[in-house]
C-alpha atoms as a PDB file:
ATOM      1  CA  MET A   1      94.321  98.718 114.349  1.00  0.00           C
ATOM      2  CA  PHE A   2      94.940  98.800 110.600  1.00  0.00           C
ATOM      3  CA  PRO A   3      92.621 100.912 108.390  1.00  0.00           C
ATOM      4  CA  LYS A   4      89.291  99.483 107.393  1.00  0.00           C
ATOM      5  CA  SER A   5      88.265  99.119 103.775  1.00  0.00           C
ATOM      6  CA  LEU A   6      85.987 101.670 102.178  1.00  0.00           C
ATOM      7  CA  GLU A   7      83.163  99.102 102.312  1.00  0.00           C
ATOM      8  CA  ASP A   8      83.667  98.657 106.068  1.00  0.00           C
ATOM      9  CA  ILE A   9      83.660 102.439 106.584  1.00  0.00           C
ATOM     10  CA  LYS A  10      80.500 102.925 104.571  1.00  0.00           C
ATOM     11  CA  THR A  11      78.787  99.965 106.206  1.00  0.00           C
ATOM     12  CA  LYS A  12      79.545 101.388 109.664  1.00  0.00           C
ATOM     13  CA  TYR A  13      78.224 104.769 108.556  1.00  0.00           C
ATOM     14  CA  LEU A  14      75.009 103.176 107.240  1.00  0.00           C
ATOM     15  CA  LYS A  15      74.628 101.134 110.430  1.00  0.00           C
ATOM     16  CA  ASP A  16      75.001 104.273 112.568  1.00  0.00           C
ATOM     17  CA  GLU A  17      72.379 106.010 110.429  1.00  0.00           C
ATOM     18  CA  CYS A  18      69.981 103.066 110.873  1.00  0.00           C
ATOM     19  CA  ILE A  19      70.445 103.215 114.641  1.00  0.00           C
ATOM     20  CA  ARG A  20      69.778 106.973 114.592  1.00  0.00           C
ATOM     21  CA  ILE A  21      66.605 106.478 112.543  1.00  0.00           C
ATOM     22  CA  GLU A  22      65.368 103.654 114.785  1.00  0.00           C
ATOM     23  CA  LYS A  23      65.778 105.900 117.848  1.00  0.00           C
ATOM     24  CA  LYS A  24      63.865 108.657 116.077  1.00  0.00           C
ATOM     25  CA  ILE A  25      61.057 106.233 115.181  1.00  0.00           C
ATOM     26  CA  GLU A  26      60.852 105.063 118.795  1.00  0.00           C
ATOM     27  CA  GLU A  27      60.628 108.666 120.009  1.00  0.00           C
ATOM     28  CA  LEU A  28      57.851 109.470 117.525  1.00  0.00           C
ATOM     29  CA  ARG A  29      55.851 106.404 118.581  1.00  0.00           C
ATOM     30  CA  LYS A  30      56.035 107.463 122.226  1.00  0.00           C
ATOM     31  CA  ILE A  31      54.936 111.001 121.308  1.00  0.00           C
ATOM     32  CA  SER A  32      52.094 109.562 119.204  1.00  0.00           C
ATOM     33  CA  GLN A  33      50.808 107.566 122.188  1.00  0.00           C
ATOM     34  CA  GLN A  34      51.100 110.503 124.566  1.00  0.00           C
ATOM     35  CA  GLU A  35      49.590 113.102 122.201  1.00  0.00           C
ATOM     36  CA  PRO A  36      46.855 111.542 120.005  1.00  0.00           C
ATOM     37  CA  ASN A  37      46.172 114.879 118.273  1.00  0.00           C
ATOM     38  CA  ILE A  38      49.486 114.650 116.389  1.00  0.00           C
ATOM     39  CA  ALA A  39      49.429 110.881 115.906  1.00  0.00           C
ATOM     40  CA  LYS A  40      48.642 111.161 112.167  1.00  0.00           C
ATOM     41  CA  ILE A  41      51.582 113.501 111.530  1.00  0.00           C
ATOM     42  CA  ALA A  42      53.878 111.262 113.590  1.00  0.00           C
ATOM     43  CA  GLU A  43      52.785 108.148 111.652  1.00  0.00           C
ATOM     44  CA  GLU A  44      53.528 109.854 108.329  1.00  0.00           C
ATOM     45  CA  GLU A  45      56.992 110.773 109.529  1.00  0.00           C
ATOM     46  CA  ILE A  46      57.513 107.247 110.861  1.00  0.00           C
ATOM     47  CA  SER A  47      56.604 105.804 107.425  1.00  0.00           C
ATOM     48  CA  ASP A  48      59.112 108.113 105.759  1.00  0.00           C
ATOM     49  CA  LEU A  49      61.827 107.112 108.246  1.00  0.00           C
ATOM     50  CA  GLU A  50      61.040 103.407 107.705  1.00  0.00           C
ATOM     51  CA  ARG A  51      61.576 103.897 103.955  1.00  0.00           C
ATOM     52  CA  GLN A  52      64.912 105.627 104.662  1.00  0.00           C
ATOM     53  CA  LYS A  53      65.986 102.777 106.939  1.00  0.00           C
ATOM     54  CA  ASN A  54      65.098 100.113 104.357  1.00  0.00           C
ATOM     55  CA  SER A  55      67.079 102.002 101.727  1.00  0.00           C
ATOM     56  CA  LEU A  56      70.127 102.135 104.025  1.00  0.00           C
ATOM     57  CA  ILE A  57      69.862  98.396 104.717  1.00  0.00           C
ATOM     58  CA  GLU A  58      69.792  97.682 100.966  1.00  0.00           C
ATOM     59  CA  GLN A  59      72.899  99.841 100.461  1.00  0.00           C
ATOM     60  CA  ALA A  60      74.721  98.037 103.271  1.00  0.00           C
ATOM     61  CA  GLU A  61      73.860  94.624 101.812  1.00  0.00           C
ATOM     62  CA  SER A  62      75.084  95.749  98.375  1.00  0.00           C
ATOM     63  CA  LEU A  63      78.368  96.995  99.854  1.00  0.00           C
ATOM     64  CA  LEU A  64      78.953  93.758 101.742  1.00  0.00           C
ATOM     65  CA  GLN A  65      78.317  91.796  98.558  1.00  0.00           C
ATOM     66  CA  SER A  66      80.826  93.998  96.693  1.00  0.00           C
ATOM     67  CA  LYS A  67      83.397  93.488  99.448  1.00  0.00           C
ATOM     68  CA  ASN A  68      82.925  89.724  99.338  1.00  0.00           C
ATOM     69  CA  GLN A  69      83.470  89.749  95.574  1.00  0.00           C
ATOM     70  CA  GLU A  70      86.763  91.625  96.028  1.00  0.00           C
ATOM     71  CA  GLU A  71      87.850  89.272  98.804  1.00  0.00           C
ATOM     72  CA  GLU A  72      87.266  86.355  96.426  1.00  0.00           C
ATOM     73  CA  SER A  73      89.227  87.987  93.596  1.00  0.00           C
ATOM     74  CA  LYS A  74      91.850  85.563  92.313  1.00  0.00           C
ATOM     75  CA  SER A  75      93.810  88.095  90.277  1.00  0.00           C
ATOM     76  CA  ILE A  76      95.329  91.468  91.195  1.00  0.00           C
ATOM     77  CA  ILE A  77      97.315  94.300  89.649  1.00  0.00           C
ATOM     78  CA  PHE A  78     100.364  94.861  91.856  1.00  0.00           C
ATOM     79  CA  GLU A  79     102.296  98.114  91.331  1.00  0.00           C
ATOM     80  CA  ILE A  80     105.589  99.114  92.908  1.00  0.00           C
ATOM     81  CA  ARG A  81     107.139 102.578  92.524  1.00  0.00           C
ATOM     82  CA  ALA A  82     110.358 104.033  93.887  1.00  0.00           C
ATOM     83  CA  GLY A  83     109.784 106.994  96.203  1.00  0.00           C
ATOM     84  CA  THR A  84     112.240 109.285  97.953  1.00  0.00           C
ATOM     85  CA  GLY A  85     115.878 108.228  98.057  1.00  0.00           C
ATOM     86  CA  GLY A  86     117.085 108.270  94.459  1.00  0.00           C
ATOM     87  CA  GLU A  87     118.872 105.154  93.224  1.00  0.00           C
ATOM     88  CA  GLU A  88     118.635 103.531  96.651  1.00  0.00           C
ATOM     89  CA  ALA A  89     114.837 103.847  96.517  1.00  0.00           C
ATOM     90  CA  SER A  90     114.827 102.107  93.123  1.00  0.00           C
ATOM     91  CA  LEU A  91     116.937  99.257  94.495  1.00  0.00           C
ATOM     92  CA  PHE A  92     114.540  98.963  97.443  1.00  0.00           C
ATOM     93  CA  ALA A  93     111.576  98.798  95.035  1.00  0.00           C
ATOM     94  CA  PHE A  94     113.373  95.968  93.204  1.00  0.00           C
ATOM     95  CA  ASP A  95     114.022  94.141  96.504  1.00  0.00           C
ATOM     96  CA  LEU A  96     110.332  94.403  97.408  1.00  0.00           C
ATOM     97  CA  ALA A  97     109.291  93.072  93.995  1.00  0.00           C
ATOM     98  CA  LYS A  98     111.568  90.058  94.450  1.00  0.00           C
ATOM     99  CA  MET A  99     110.222  89.500  97.958  1.00  0.00           C
ATOM    100  CA  TYR A 100     106.630  89.349  96.722  1.00  0.00           C
ATOM    101  CA  GLU A 101     107.647  87.213  93.742  1.00  0.00           C
ATOM    102  CA  LYS A 102     109.215  84.659  96.100  1.00  0.00           C
ATOM    103  CA  TYR A 103     106.183  84.804  98.386  1.00  0.00           C
ATOM    104  CA  SER A 104     103.947  84.184  95.365  1.00  0.00           C
ATOM    105  CA  ALA A 105     106.051  81.178  94.363  1.00  0.00           C
ATOM    106  CA  LYS A 106     105.607  79.713  97.859  1.00  0.00           C
ATOM    107  CA  LYS A 107     101.842  80.160  97.459  1.00  0.00           C
ATOM    108  CA  ASN A 108     101.919  78.625  93.961  1.00  0.00           C
ATOM    109  CA  TRP A 109     100.528  81.867  92.529  1.00  0.00           C
ATOM    110  CA  LYS A 110     101.237  83.032  88.999  1.00  0.00           C
ATOM    111  CA  PHE A 111     103.472  86.122  89.048  1.00  0.00           C
ATOM    112  CA  GLN A 112     103.588  87.894  85.684  1.00  0.00           C
ATOM    113  CA  LYS A 113     105.401  91.134  84.838  1.00  0.00           C
ATOM    114  CA  LEU A 114     103.282  93.543  82.769  1.00  0.00           C
ATOM    115  CA  ASN A 115     105.545  96.574  82.637  1.00  0.00           C
ATOM    116  CA  GLU A 116     108.783  97.833  84.151  1.00  0.00           C
ATOM    117  CA  SER A 117     111.064 100.851  84.071  1.00  0.00           C
ATOM    118  CA  LYS A 118     114.570 100.124  85.335  1.00  0.00           C
ATOM    119  CA  THR A 119     117.555 102.243  86.337  1.00  0.00           C
ATOM    120  CA  GLU A 120     121.167 101.723  85.238  1.00  0.00           C
ATOM    121  CA  LEU A 121     121.807  99.734  88.438  1.00  0.00           C
ATOM    122  CA  ASN A 122     118.801  97.498  87.714  1.00  0.00           C
ATOM    123  CA  GLY A 123     116.585  99.089  90.321  1.00  0.00           C
ATOM    124  CA  TYR A 124     112.899  99.716  89.626  1.00  0.00           C
ATOM    125  CA  LYS A 125     111.640 103.210  88.922  1.00  0.00           C
ATOM    126  CA  GLU A 126     108.293 101.466  88.646  1.00  0.00           C
ATOM    127  CA  ALA A 127     106.975  97.997  87.856  1.00  0.00           C
ATOM    128  CA  VAL A 128     103.532  96.510  87.327  1.00  0.00           C
ATOM    129  CA  PHE A 129     102.727  92.843  87.871  1.00  0.00           C
ATOM    130  CA  GLU A 130      99.688  90.619  87.629  1.00  0.00           C
ATOM    131  CA  ILE A 131      99.469  88.061  90.435  1.00  0.00           C
ATOM    132  CA  SER A 132      96.905  85.253  90.193  1.00  0.00           C
ATOM    133  CA  GLY A 133      95.950  82.526  92.626  1.00  0.00           C
ATOM    134  CA  PRO A 134      93.589  81.547  95.465  1.00  0.00           C
ATOM    135  CA  GLU A 135      92.941  84.341  98.028  1.00  0.00           C
ATOM    136  CA  VAL A 136      95.555  86.575  96.379  1.00  0.00           C
ATOM    137  CA  TYR A 137      93.664  89.832  97.011  1.00  0.00           C
ATOM    138  CA  LYS A 138      92.638  88.789 100.513  1.00  0.00           C
ATOM    139  CA  LYS A 139      96.273  88.074 101.391  1.00  0.00           C
ATOM    140  CA  LEU A 140      97.939  91.087  99.747  1.00  0.00           C
ATOM    141  CA  LYS A 141      95.359  93.897 100.012  1.00  0.00           C
ATOM    142  CA  ASN A 142      96.989  95.287 103.182  1.00  0.00           C
ATOM    143  CA  GLU A 143     100.365  95.698 101.444  1.00  0.00           C
ATOM    144  CA  SER A 144      99.125  98.896  99.766  1.00  0.00           C
ATOM    145  CA  GLY A 145     100.918 101.986 101.021  1.00  0.00           C
ATOM    146  CA  VAL A 146     104.378 103.452 101.517  1.00  0.00           C
ATOM    147  CA  HIS A 147     107.168 101.102 102.626  1.00  0.00           C
ATOM    148  CA  ARG A 148     110.375 102.551 104.086  1.00  0.00           C
ATOM    149  CA  ILE A 149     113.863 101.094 104.404  1.00  0.00           C
ATOM    150  CA  GLN A 150     116.766 102.242 106.584  1.00  0.00           C
ATOM    151  CA  ARG A 151     120.172 100.834 105.621  1.00  0.00           C
ATOM    152  CA  ILE A 152     123.721 101.684 104.568  1.00  0.00           C
ATOM    153  CA  PRO A 153     123.873 101.450 100.747  1.00  0.00           C
ATOM    154  CA  SER A 154     126.735  99.458  99.244  1.00  0.00           C
ATOM    155  CA  THR A 155     127.838 102.643  97.457  1.00  0.00           C
ATOM    156  CA  GLU A 156     128.005 104.647 100.704  1.00  0.00           C
ATOM    157  CA  LYS A 157     131.677 105.057 101.659  1.00  0.00           C
ATOM    158  CA  SER A 158     131.156 107.009 104.885  1.00  0.00           C
ATOM    159  CA  GLY A 159     128.843 104.383 106.405  1.00  0.00           C
ATOM    160  CA  ARG A 160     125.918 106.807 106.613  1.00  0.00           C
ATOM    161  CA  ILE A 161     122.440 105.315 107.009  1.00  0.00           C
ATOM    162  CA  HIS A 162     120.043 106.180 104.186  1.00  0.00           C
ATOM    163  CA  THR A 163     116.256 106.245 104.421  1.00  0.00           C
ATOM    164  CA  SER A 164     114.366 105.451 101.224  1.00  0.00           C
ATOM    165  CA  THR A 165     110.780 104.663 100.328  1.00  0.00           C
ATOM    166  CA  ALA A 166     108.767 102.737  97.768  1.00  0.00           C
ATOM    167  CA  SER A 167     104.996 102.689  97.329  1.00  0.00           C
ATOM    168  CA  ILE A 168     102.777  99.719  96.594  1.00  0.00           C
ATOM    169  CA  VAL A 169      99.270  99.681  95.151  1.00  0.00           C
ATOM    170  CA  VAL A 170      97.135  96.524  95.102  1.00  0.00           C
ATOM    171  CA  LEU A 171      94.065  96.517  92.841  1.00  0.00           C
ATOM    172  CA  PRO A 172      91.688  93.552  92.501  1.00  0.00           C
ATOM    173  CA  GLU A 173      90.980  92.469  88.944  1.00  0.00           C
ATOM    174  CA  LYS A 174      87.293  91.838  88.391  1.00  0.00           C
ATOM    175  CA  LYS A 175      84.520  92.632  85.957  1.00  0.00           C
ATOM    176  CA  TYR A 176      83.872  96.356  85.718  1.00  0.00           C
ATOM    177  CA  GLU A 177      80.505  96.480  83.944  1.00  0.00           C
ATOM    178  CA  ASP A 178      79.657  99.812  85.549  1.00  0.00           C
ATOM    179  CA  ILE A 179      82.774 101.565  84.232  1.00  0.00           C
ATOM    180  CA  GLU A 180      82.220 103.134  80.833  1.00  0.00           C
ATOM    181  CA  ILE A 181      85.311 104.099  78.867  1.00  0.00           C
ATOM    182  CA  LYS A 182      84.580 106.078  75.727  1.00  0.00           C
ATOM    183  CA  PRO A 183      86.971 105.517  72.792  1.00  0.00           C
ATOM    184  CA  GLU A 184      87.269 109.284  72.293  1.00  0.00           C
ATOM    185  CA  ASP A 185      88.585 109.611  75.870  1.00  0.00           C
ATOM    186  CA  LEU A 186      91.578 107.411  75.090  1.00  0.00           C
ATOM    187  CA  GLU A 187      94.912 108.325  73.552  1.00  0.00           C
ATOM    188  CA  ILE A 188      96.604 105.072  72.500  1.00  0.00           C
ATOM    189  CA  GLY A 189     100.217 104.791  71.416  1.00  0.00           C
ATOM    190  CA  PHE A 190     102.361 101.845  70.310  1.00  0.00           C
ATOM    191  CA  THR A 191     106.108 101.569  70.915  1.00  0.00           C
ATOM    192  CA  ARG A 192     108.822  98.976  71.104  1.00  0.00           C
ATOM    193  CA  ALA A 193     109.176  97.246  74.470  1.00  0.00           C
ATOM    194  CA  GLY A 194     112.080  98.802  76.362  1.00  0.00           C
ATOM    195  CA  GLY A 195     114.825  97.407  78.542  1.00  0.00           C
ATOM    196  CA  PRO A 196     117.070  98.973  81.218  1.00  0.00           C
ATOM    197  CA  GLY A 197     118.284 102.445  80.383  1.00  0.00           C
ATOM    198  CA  GLY A 198     115.849 102.815  77.492  1.00  0.00           C
ATOM    199  CA  GLN A 199     117.383  99.983  75.496  1.00  0.00           C
ATOM    200  CA  ASN A 200     114.989  98.347  72.977  1.00  0.00           C
ATOM    201  CA  VAL A 201     114.494  94.643  73.457  1.00  0.00           C
ATOM    202  CA  ASN A 202     112.512  93.932  70.291  1.00  0.00           C
ATOM    203  CA  LYS A 203     112.027  95.411  66.848  1.00  0.00           C
ATOM    204  CA  VAL A 204     108.218  95.269  66.737  1.00  0.00           C
ATOM    205  CA  GLU A 205     105.950  97.924  68.252  1.00  0.00           C
ATOM    206  CA  THR A 206     104.072  95.640  70.663  1.00  0.00           C
ATOM    207  CA  ALA A 207     104.163  97.840  73.788  1.00  0.00           C
ATOM    208  CA  VAL A 208     100.953  99.789  74.405  1.00  0.00           C
ATOM    209  CA  ARG A 209     100.577 103.105  76.241  1.00  0.00           C
ATOM    210  CA  ILE A 210      97.072 104.387  77.015  1.00  0.00           C
ATOM    211  CA  LEU A 211      96.200 107.841  78.359  1.00  0.00           C
ATOM    212  CA  HIS A 212      92.703 108.247  79.788  1.00  0.00           C
ATOM    213  CA  LYS A 213      92.182 111.959  79.148  1.00  0.00           C
ATOM    214  CA  PRO A 214      89.413 112.703  81.706  1.00  0.00           C
ATOM    215  CA  SER A 215      91.404 111.261  84.633  1.00  0.00           C
ATOM    216  CA  GLN A 216      94.921 111.716  83.157  1.00  0.00           C
ATOM    217  CA  ILE A 217      95.691 108.123  84.161  1.00  0.00           C
ATOM    218  CA  VAL A 218      98.443 106.536  82.054  1.00  0.00           C
ATOM    219  CA  VAL A 219      98.968 102.778  81.815  1.00  0.00           C
ATOM    220  CA  VAL A 220     101.559 100.768  79.909  1.00  0.00           C
ATOM    221  CA  SER A 221     101.649  97.085  79.026  1.00  0.00           C
ATOM    222  CA  GLN A 222     104.652  95.697  77.178  1.00  0.00           C
ATOM    223  CA  ASN A 223     105.292  92.110  78.237  1.00  0.00           C
ATOM    224  CA  GLU A 224     102.595  90.326  76.259  1.00  0.00           C
ATOM    225  CA  ARG A 225     103.724  88.903  72.920  1.00  0.00           C
ATOM    226  CA  SER A 226     101.201  90.719  70.745  1.00  0.00           C
ATOM    227  CA  GLN A 227     100.063  94.299  70.437  1.00  0.00           C
ATOM    228  CA  GLN A 228      96.415  93.242  70.893  1.00  0.00           C
ATOM    229  CA  ARG A 229      97.099  91.334  74.122  1.00  0.00           C
ATOM    230  CA  ASN A 230      99.052  94.294  75.512  1.00  0.00           C
ATOM    231  CA  LYS A 231      96.138  96.582  74.602  1.00  0.00           C
ATOM    232  CA  GLU A 232      93.634  94.292  76.337  1.00  0.00           C
ATOM    233  CA  LYS A 233      95.798  94.068  79.439  1.00  0.00           C
ATOM    234  CA  ALA A 234      96.335  97.845  79.500  1.00  0.00           C
ATOM    235  CA  LEU A 235      92.565  98.393  79.355  1.00  0.00           C
ATOM    236  CA  ASP A 236      92.068  95.951  82.247  1.00  0.00           C
ATOM    237  CA  ILE A 237      94.594  97.897  84.321  1.00  0.00           C
ATOM    238  CA  LEU A 238      92.955 101.195  83.350  1.00  0.00           C
ATOM    239  CA  LYS A 239      89.529  99.997  84.505  1.00  0.00           C
ATOM    240  CA  ALA A 240      90.990  98.847  87.828  1.00  0.00           C
ATOM    241  CA  LYS A 241      92.671 102.243  88.299  1.00  0.00           C
ATOM    242  CA  ILE A 242      89.502 104.183  87.461  1.00  0.00           C
ATOM    243  CA  SER A 243      87.565 102.035  89.930  1.00  0.00           C
ATOM    244  CA  ASP A 244      90.191 102.699  92.607  1.00  0.00           C
ATOM    245  CA  LEU A 245      90.104 106.452  91.874  1.00  0.00           C
ATOM    246  CA  LYS A 246      86.333 106.442  92.280  1.00  0.00           C
ATOM    247  CA  LYS A 247      86.716 104.634  95.612  1.00  0.00           C
ATOM    248  CA  GLN A 248      89.165 107.255  96.870  1.00  0.00           C
ATOM    249  CA  LYS A 249      86.798 110.064  95.860  1.00  0.00           C
ATOM    250  CA  ASP A 250      83.900 108.311  97.589  1.00  0.00           C
ATOM    251  CA  GLU A 251      86.041 107.881 100.689  1.00  0.00           C
ATOM    252  CA  LYS A 252      86.868 111.608 100.829  1.00  0.00           C
ATOM    253  CA  LYS A 253      83.233 112.523 100.278  1.00  0.00           C
ATOM    254  CA  LEU A 254      82.116 110.214 103.056  1.00  0.00           C
ATOM    255  CA  SER A 255      84.699 111.682 105.442  1.00  0.00           C
ATOM    256  CA  LYS A 256      83.332 115.172 104.805  1.00  0.00           C
ATOM    257  CA  GLU A 257      79.786 113.987 105.395  1.00  0.00           C
ATOM    258  CA  ARG A 258      80.771 112.594 108.770  1.00  0.00           C
ATOM    259  CA  LYS A 259      82.913 115.671 109.510  1.00  0.00           C
ATOM    260  CA  GLN A 260      85.775 113.521 110.684  1.00  0.00           C
ATOM    261  CA  GLN A 261      88.214 110.896 109.464  1.00  0.00           C
ATOM    262  CA  ILE A 262      86.959 107.431 110.356  1.00  0.00           C
ATOM    263  CA  GLY A 263      89.639 104.820 109.978  1.00  0.00           C
ATOM    264  CA  THR A 264      91.062 105.862 106.597  1.00  0.00           C
ATOM    265  CA  GLN A 265      94.723 106.079 105.757  1.00  0.00           C
ATOM    266  CA  ASP A 266      96.265 108.137 103.003  1.00  0.00           C
ATOM    267  CA  ARG A 267      98.759 106.279 100.825  1.00  0.00           C
ATOM    268  CA  SER A 268     101.333 109.001 101.459  1.00  0.00           C
ATOM    269  CA  GLU A 269     101.722 107.760 105.050  1.00  0.00           C
ATOM    270  CA  LYS A 270     104.292 105.032 105.663  1.00  0.00           C
ATOM    271  CA  ILE A 271     102.813 101.704 106.656  1.00  0.00           C
ATOM    272  CA  ARG A 272     105.970  99.667 107.252  1.00  0.00           C
ATOM    273  CA  THR A 273     109.669 100.191 108.005  1.00  0.00           C
ATOM    274  CA  TYR A 274     112.502  97.764 107.212  1.00  0.00           C
ATOM    275  CA  ASN A 275     115.438  98.607 109.487  1.00  0.00           C
ATOM    276  CA  ILE A 276     118.422  96.606 108.269  1.00  0.00           C
ATOM    277  CA  LEU A 277     120.887  97.538 111.048  1.00  0.00           C
ATOM    278  CA  GLN A 278     118.410  96.571 113.770  1.00  0.00           C
ATOM    279  CA  ASP A 279     117.253  93.508 111.799  1.00  0.00           C
ATOM    280  CA  ARG A 280     113.655  94.550 112.338  1.00  0.00           C
ATOM    281  CA  VAL A 281     110.514  95.047 110.254  1.00  0.00           C
ATOM    282  CA  THR A 282     107.822  97.168 111.880  1.00  0.00           C
ATOM    283  CA  ASP A 283     104.255  97.578 110.686  1.00  0.00           C
ATOM    284  CA  HIS A 284     103.093 100.954 111.968  1.00  0.00           C
ATOM    285  CA  ARG A 285      99.384 100.142 111.655  1.00  0.00           C
ATOM    286  CA  LEU A 286      99.628  97.059 113.851  1.00  0.00           C
ATOM    287  CA  LYS A 287     102.423  98.487 116.017  1.00  0.00           C
ATOM    288  CA  LYS A 288     104.116  95.119 115.698  1.00  0.00           C
ATOM    289  CA  SER A 289     107.662  94.068 114.726  1.00  0.00           C
ATOM    290  CA  TRP A 290     109.388  91.018 113.231  1.00  0.00           C
ATOM    291  CA  HIS A 291     113.073  90.092 113.080  1.00  0.00           C
ATOM    292  CA  ASN A 292     115.302  88.262 110.594  1.00  0.00           C
ATOM    293  CA  ILE A 293     114.945  90.661 107.663  1.00  0.00           C
ATOM    294  CA  GLU A 294     117.077  88.473 105.400  1.00  0.00           C
ATOM    295  CA  ASN A 295     114.518  85.694 105.785  1.00  0.00           C
ATOM    296  CA  ILE A 296     111.654  88.127 105.171  1.00  0.00           C
ATOM    297  CA  PHE A 297     113.198  89.377 101.920  1.00  0.00           C
ATOM    298  CA  GLU A 298     113.346  85.724 100.834  1.00  0.00           C
ATOM    299  CA  GLY A 299     109.557  85.828 100.689  1.00  0.00           C
ATOM    300  CA  ASN A 300     108.841  84.433 104.140  1.00  0.00           C
ATOM    301  CA  ILE A 301     106.224  87.039 105.057  1.00  0.00           C
ATOM    302  CA  ASP A 302     103.386  84.750 106.161  1.00  0.00           C
ATOM    303  CA  SER A 303     103.646  85.934 109.771  1.00  0.00           C
ATOM    304  CA  ILE A 304     103.199  89.550 108.634  1.00  0.00           C
ATOM    305  CA  ILE A 305     100.367  88.799 106.213  1.00  0.00           C
ATOM    306  CA  GLU A 306      98.490  86.629 108.710  1.00  0.00           C
ATOM    307  CA  SER A 307      98.641  89.329 111.402  1.00  0.00           C
ATOM    308  CA  PHE A 308      95.902  91.157 109.463  1.00  0.00           C
ATOM    309  CA  GLU A 309      93.556  88.171 109.347  1.00  0.00           C
END
């Protein structure tokens, strides 16, 4: 089964704690009936446990509400980065970007490029997109992770199979009232928007680069027409990244509290393999495969996406 969201993990943890507390309350009530001399002490402890249980229920309800808000998010930040495999990994990252762009077109979603860094062969070192439309986060949230491809590159003369990777991060765009970003924590720079190989594509410094010093997160936005719009978009991305970082820290903390890993998956683990020679795509979380890779790269990934629903 594929990994649960952080909200699901926490909710299960809170539910287990409620069950534990309820059992403890039941035990204390039995003891109170059997031994009247300690009934007062037992009742005090029961009252304290009832307060703990109510607090856990409130936390669970808040988490479920937060999850529902994310599920309803109609706009996401979609990042793709080349991993291991050199130029071939960059070309794979570009292929994935095109696949999701075509899928978005079929869904009538808006697919907007915010930033890109290309190689000489027009592969993607990294690229950031904003995708907007109904159920966009719900549909694409499970695409986060490391994707792997096995194929013979067009530049490979000996016919040797190469294995390359690219990573994807999907972040819901929403209101982040609880995230405070202090102006003094930001280092903001303005440059000209760049093209492949570092080539400048305009003469005005509209591209914005923001470094958040406490977290060392760097974001770039260069595809808006004005410097101000690029700055606003970069700040939106930064808030989404800080929120995601906080989630990951909470997830690690929760795992330690439970003394075991409960359904989490590190992004360094591969989630899907595209084997060109065998014409097969395999999702390792579902342990399920699909054929006709050429059709899949044309954006026909509904069967994969819907397997998670």
